[in-house]
Amino acid sequence: MQNLDLDLRCPQCHLPLIPAKAMNGGESEFWMECPKCNVYVNTYTPQDHQYEFHVDAHKYTGNFGG
């Protein structure tokens, strides 16, 4: 998991968030969860070149690599 220097807390009960379980059984890289409220928080922040893709208003977009 990425090292977050933030003190992330639940927006409802203000307890510290813990890493959510990823599909592979490990810790999620971007999702955090509250152990009490079952609230999930997405901590993903796109890089500049990714942000441009996210705000593209076209109906269809493609992201290709090799």
Protein backbone atom coordinates (compact mmCIF):
# COMPACT_ATOMS: atom_id res chain seq x y z
CA MET A 1 0.00 0.00 0.00
CA GLN A 2 1.14 3.53 -0.64
CA ASN A 3 2.38 5.44 2.38
CA LEU A 4 -0.21 8.11 3.15
CA ASP A 5 1.09 10.87 5.38
CA LEU A 6 -2.49 11.94 6.07
CA ASP A 7 -4.47 11.14 9.17
CA LEU A 8 -7.50 9.81 7.30
CA ARG A 9 -10.62 9.60 9.40
CA CYS A 10 -14.16 8.43 8.77
CA PRO A 11 -16.37 11.30 7.57
CA GLN A 12 -19.22 10.01 9.80
CA CYS A 13 -17.73 8.83 13.10
CA HIS A 14 -14.18 10.24 12.81
CA LEU A 15 -12.41 6.98 13.69
CA PRO A 16 -9.14 6.33 11.83
CA LEU A 17 -9.63 4.53 8.50
CA ILE A 18 -7.91 1.24 7.72
CA PRO A 19 -6.90 -0.14 4.31
CA ALA A 20 -9.75 -1.96 2.61
CA LYS A 21 -9.32 -5.53 1.43
CA ALA A 22 -8.35 -5.78 -2.25
CA MET A 23 -9.71 -8.40 -4.64
CA ASN A 24 -6.43 -10.32 -4.37
CA GLY A 25 -6.85 -10.58 -0.59
CA GLY A 26 -4.17 -7.99 0.23
CA GLU A 27 -4.54 -4.35 1.15
CA SER A 28 -6.15 -1.99 -1.34
CA GLU A 29 -3.85 0.65 -2.81
CA PHE A 30 -6.47 3.42 -2.86
CA TRP A 31 -9.52 2.38 -0.83
CA MET A 32 -9.76 2.89 2.95
CA GLU A 33 -12.64 1.79 5.18
CA CYS A 34 -14.07 2.57 8.57
CA PRO A 35 -14.11 -0.50 10.84
CA LYS A 36 -17.20 0.81 12.62
CA CYS A 37 -19.43 2.43 9.96
CA ASN A 38 -18.40 0.35 6.92
CA VAL A 39 -17.79 3.65 5.04
CA TYR A 40 -15.34 3.44 2.14
CA VAL A 41 -13.14 6.36 1.03
CA ASN A 42 -11.31 6.46 -2.30
CA THR A 43 -7.89 8.14 -1.86
CA TYR A 44 -6.93 8.01 -5.56
CA THR A 45 -5.49 11.28 -6.88
CA PRO A 46 -4.66 11.30 -10.62
CA GLN A 47 -1.39 12.64 -11.97
CA ASP A 48 -1.61 15.61 -14.35
CA HIS A 49 -1.70 13.49 -17.52
CA GLN A 50 -4.29 11.15 -15.95
CA TYR A 51 -6.50 14.06 -14.87
CA GLU A 52 -6.82 15.22 -18.48
CA PHE A 53 -8.18 11.79 -19.40
CA HIS A 54 -10.66 11.78 -16.51
CA VAL A 55 -12.17 15.16 -17.45
CA ASP A 56 -12.38 14.42 -21.20
CA ALA A 57 -16.00 15.09 -22.23
CA HIS A 58 -16.03 12.67 -25.19
CA LYS A 59 -18.53 9.82 -25.02
CA TYR A 60 -15.85 7.23 -25.81
CA THR A 61 -12.22 7.44 -24.72
CA GLY A 62 -9.34 5.00 -25.04
CA ASN A 63 -6.24 4.38 -22.98
CA PHE A 64 -3.75 2.18 -24.80
CA GLY A 65 -0.25 1.02 -23.98
CA GLY A 66 2.19 -1.60 -25.01
